[in-house]
Amino acid sequence: MREHSMKFLVCALLLHTGCAANTPDTDAGMWWMDASVDGAADATMDAAMDAAVADSLVVNEIHAIGDDWVEIFNAGAAPVSLTHLRLADSDSMGLPDQGAAVDLDPAGSLDPGAYLVVLANLGGSANSGVQTDCSPLDVPRCLEASFGISDSRGDVLFLIDSSDTVLSRVDYPPNTTDATQTYGRLPDGTGPFLVTVPTPGAANMR
């Protein structure tokens, strides 16, 4: 198993117990702890990061008739990095459709209380990267996805990481809304899903 040496100001942040004695870093004028981190410790960190993302980042609102879109919300108290995260709908087996998943990486991170809208059902015309023309929605930036959201059959939306681990999922029941409605969390970001009025990039309401 490959090992590499890393320096940590607080070794406990790694949940790793193999810390050596304190050694001074004269260049920084600080005391550091040396830790030897193997693959198991790396996996522990990855799992902790996934858990933190799953606790904070949520699919918050879904519009499935006409102009399809999905709103993602950071319900946590700290910024969340979107690196290596993807949004996917379900394939014919009810699993994340990896081939059509949209990368959230280009959006960078999401501040506490901030929203990210993904325009969906764009097929081959979906652009990669952050878009500033998000019409018909009035939001400052968005991402675009080729997949659509089926209202008649219902659908499932997944937040997944780079190893295809499902961090969270939302089931959209069939025939839940009409074109003037969305399926959103109430209270905003934390509550159960109810039929709501469209509020892309803003707090959900009925």
Protein backbone atom coordinates (compact mmCIF):
# COMPACT_ATOMS: atom_id res chain seq x y z
CA MET A 1 0.00 0.00 0.00
CA ARG A 2 1.41 3.37 -1.02
CA GLU A 3 2.22 5.74 1.80
CA HIS A 4 3.21 9.38 1.75
CA SER A 5 4.21 11.80 4.43
CA MET A 6 2.08 14.87 5.03
CA LYS A 7 2.18 17.64 7.60
CA PHE A 8 -0.92 18.66 9.50
CA LEU A 9 -1.38 21.46 11.98
CA VAL A 10 -3.92 19.32 13.81
CA CYS A 11 -3.55 15.62 13.16
CA ALA A 12 -6.93 14.83 14.62
CA LEU A 13 -8.58 16.41 11.59
CA LEU A 14 -7.61 13.26 9.72
CA LEU A 15 -9.09 10.96 12.37
CA HIS A 16 -5.65 9.38 12.21
CA THR A 17 -3.89 8.16 15.32
CA GLY A 18 -0.38 7.62 13.96
CA CYS A 19 0.93 11.10 14.76
CA ALA A 20 4.56 11.57 15.62
CA ALA A 21 5.82 13.97 18.24
CA ASN A 22 5.53 17.67 17.58
CA THR A 23 8.30 19.11 15.44
CA PRO A 24 8.93 22.80 14.93
CA ASP A 25 8.60 24.41 11.55
CA THR A 26 11.06 27.26 11.85
CA ASP A 27 10.15 28.76 8.48
CA ALA A 28 6.52 29.16 9.47
CA GLY A 29 7.24 29.81 13.13
CA MET A 30 4.64 27.21 14.05
CA TRP A 31 4.54 23.71 15.52
CA TRP A 32 3.37 20.93 13.23
CA MET A 33 2.52 17.28 13.59
CA ASP A 34 3.86 14.71 11.13
CA ALA A 35 1.49 12.00 9.96
CA SER A 36 1.97 9.06 7.67
CA VAL A 37 -1.23 8.72 5.69
CA ASP A 38 -2.05 5.49 3.91
CA GLY A 39 -4.92 4.60 1.60
CA ALA A 40 -7.23 3.73 4.48
CA ALA A 41 -6.85 7.19 5.97
CA ASP A 42 -7.44 8.77 2.55
CA ALA A 43 -10.62 6.72 2.22
CA THR A 44 -11.72 7.86 5.68
CA MET A 45 -11.26 11.48 4.63
CA ASP A 46 -13.17 10.92 1.38
CA ALA A 47 -16.05 9.33 3.29
CA ALA A 48 -16.10 12.22 5.77
CA MET A 49 -16.17 14.75 2.93
CA ASP A 50 -19.00 12.85 1.20
CA ALA A 51 -20.97 12.83 4.44
CA ALA A 52 -20.46 16.58 4.86
CA VAL A 53 -21.65 17.20 1.30
CA ALA A 54 -24.67 14.92 1.76
CA ASP A 55 -25.63 16.81 4.91
CA SER A 56 -25.44 20.22 3.22
CA LEU A 57 -26.10 19.94 -0.51
CA VAL A 58 -29.67 19.11 -1.51
CA VAL A 59 -31.87 18.97 -4.56
CA ASN A 60 -34.31 21.66 -3.48
CA GLU A 61 -36.81 22.25 -6.30
CA ILE A 62 -37.81 20.46 -9.51
CA HIS A 63 -39.74 21.72 -12.53
CA ALA A 64 -40.71 18.85 -14.84
CA ILE A 65 -43.23 20.18 -17.37
CA GLY A 66 -42.28 22.53 -20.19
CA ASP A 67 -38.92 24.02 -19.28
CA ASP A 68 -37.29 21.36 -17.11
CA TRP A 69 -34.92 22.53 -14.39
CA VAL A 70 -33.48 21.48 -11.07
CA GLU A 71 -32.43 23.73 -8.20
CA ILE A 72 -29.59 22.70 -5.87
CA PHE A 73 -29.22 24.42 -2.50
CA ASN A 74 -26.56 24.56 0.20
CA ALA A 75 -28.47 24.11 3.45
CA GLY A 76 -25.28 23.96 5.53
CA ALA A 77 -23.31 26.55 7.45
CA ALA A 78 -20.13 26.42 5.32
CA PRO A 79 -19.29 26.65 1.61
CA VAL A 80 -19.44 23.32 -0.25
CA SER A 81 -17.00 22.48 -3.02
CA LEU A 82 -18.73 21.12 -6.12
CA THR A 83 -15.53 19.54 -7.44
CA HIS A 84 -16.09 15.98 -8.73
CA LEU A 85 -19.84 16.17 -8.03
CA ARG A 86 -22.48 15.39 -10.65
CA LEU A 87 -26.26 15.55 -10.99
CA ALA A 88 -27.92 12.61 -12.71
CA ASP A 89 -31.39 11.35 -13.43
CA SER A 90 -32.32 7.67 -13.46
CA ASP A 91 -31.78 5.10 -16.18
CA SER A 92 -34.23 2.32 -17.11
CA MET A 93 -33.08 0.33 -14.06
CA GLY A 94 -33.67 3.20 -11.64
CA LEU A 95 -29.93 3.79 -11.19
CA PRO A 96 -27.98 7.02 -11.85
CA ASP A 97 -27.59 7.53 -15.60
CA GLN A 98 -23.83 8.10 -15.63
CA GLY A 99 -23.65 8.92 -19.33
CA ALA A 100 -26.06 11.86 -19.11
CA ALA A 101 -24.93 13.20 -15.71
CA VAL A 102 -23.96 16.88 -15.62
CA ASP A 103 -20.71 17.94 -13.95
CA LEU A 104 -21.13 20.51 -11.20
CA ASP A 105 -17.37 21.23 -11.10
CA PRO A 106 -17.48 24.37 -13.28
CA ALA A 107 -19.67 26.14 -10.71
CA GLY A 108 -16.79 25.91 -8.22
CA SER A 109 -18.48 26.02 -4.84
CA LEU A 110 -21.79 26.94 -3.27
CA ASP A 111 -21.97 29.32 -0.32
CA PRO A 112 -24.30 28.71 2.61
CA GLY A 113 -27.85 29.61 1.61
CA ALA A 114 -26.90 29.82 -2.09
CA TYR A 115 -28.65 28.19 -5.04
CA LEU A 116 -27.48 26.62 -8.30
CA VAL A 117 -29.96 25.99 -11.11
CA VAL A 118 -29.47 23.29 -13.75
CA LEU A 119 -31.50 23.71 -16.94
CA ALA A 120 -32.52 20.24 -18.16
CA ASN A 121 -34.01 18.46 -21.17
CA LEU A 122 -31.67 20.24 -23.60
CA GLY A 123 -30.46 17.10 -25.39
CA GLY A 124 -27.49 17.65 -27.68
CA SER A 125 -27.73 21.43 -27.36
CA ALA A 126 -26.67 21.37 -23.70
CA ASN A 127 -23.52 23.44 -23.19
CA SER A 128 -20.75 22.56 -20.76
CA GLY A 129 -19.54 25.02 -18.15
CA VAL A 130 -21.31 27.83 -16.34
CA GLN A 131 -23.82 29.75 -18.45
CA THR A 132 -24.91 33.35 -17.88
CA ASP A 133 -27.80 33.22 -20.37
CA CYS A 134 -30.23 31.03 -18.48
CA SER A 135 -33.42 32.04 -20.26
CA PRO A 136 -36.27 31.57 -19.77
CA LEU A 137 -35.22 31.69 -16.11
CA ASP A 138 -34.10 34.90 -14.44
CA VAL A 139 -31.02 33.58 -12.61
CA PRO A 140 -27.47 34.96 -12.88
CA ARG A 141 -25.81 31.65 -13.71
CA CYS A 142 -26.74 28.06 -14.44
CA LEU A 143 -25.53 24.73 -15.76
CA GLU A 144 -27.13 22.78 -18.58
CA ALA A 145 -28.07 19.09 -18.74
CA SER A 146 -29.06 16.93 -21.66
CA PHE A 147 -31.41 14.73 -19.62
CA GLY A 148 -35.05 15.58 -19.01
CA ILE A 149 -37.32 14.93 -16.04
CA SER A 150 -40.30 12.70 -16.72
CA ASP A 151 -43.52 13.95 -15.16
CA SER A 152 -45.71 11.19 -16.60
CA ARG A 153 -43.49 8.28 -15.48
CA GLY A 154 -41.85 9.94 -12.51
CA ASP A 155 -38.10 10.20 -12.13
CA VAL A 156 -35.23 10.04 -9.65
CA LEU A 157 -32.49 12.65 -9.28
CA PHE A 158 -29.12 11.78 -7.77
CA LEU A 159 -26.15 13.72 -6.49
CA ILE A 160 -23.12 11.50 -7.07
CA ASP A 161 -19.36 11.83 -6.58
CA SER A 162 -16.43 10.92 -8.84
CA SER A 163 -16.53 7.27 -7.74
CA ASP A 164 -20.26 7.09 -8.57
CA THR A 165 -21.23 6.96 -4.91
CA VAL A 166 -24.78 8.24 -4.42
CA LEU A 167 -24.65 11.11 -1.91
CA SER A 168 -28.37 11.84 -2.03
CA ARG A 169 -31.44 11.04 -4.11
CA VAL A 170 -34.86 12.58 -4.62
CA ASP A 171 -37.83 10.68 -6.02
CA TYR A 172 -40.15 12.73 -8.21
CA PRO A 173 -43.56 10.96 -8.25
CA PRO A 174 -45.46 10.72 -11.55
CA ASN A 175 -48.05 13.38 -12.41
CA THR A 176 -47.18 15.47 -9.37
CA THR A 177 -47.34 19.00 -10.83
CA ASP A 178 -48.62 20.99 -13.77
CA ALA A 179 -46.66 23.52 -15.84
CA THR A 180 -47.30 26.30 -13.32
CA GLN A 181 -45.98 24.32 -10.35
CA THR A 182 -42.79 22.82 -8.99
CA TYR A 183 -41.93 20.09 -6.49
CA GLY A 184 -39.96 21.77 -3.72
CA ARG A 185 -38.82 21.45 -0.14
CA LEU A 186 -40.73 23.34 2.54
CA PRO A 187 -39.29 24.74 4.70
CA ASP A 188 -36.81 25.77 2.04
CA GLY A 189 -33.78 23.50 1.89
CA THR A 190 -34.70 21.26 4.81
CA GLY A 191 -38.34 20.20 4.70
CA PRO A 192 -40.25 17.49 2.87
CA PHE A 193 -41.24 17.91 -0.78
CA LEU A 194 -44.59 19.56 -1.53
CA VAL A 195 -46.21 21.13 -4.58
CA THR A 196 -44.84 24.69 -4.74
CA VAL A 197 -44.78 27.71 -7.04
CA PRO A 198 -41.68 28.12 -9.23
CA THR A 199 -38.95 30.13 -7.48
CA PRO A 200 -35.69 29.28 -9.31
CA GLY A 201 -32.71 30.63 -7.39
CA ALA A 202 -34.86 31.79 -4.45
CA ALA A 203 -36.61 30.42 -1.38
CA ASN A 204 -39.43 27.97 -2.01
CA MET A 205 -43.02 28.95 -1.28
CA ARG A 206 -46.58 27.81 -1.87
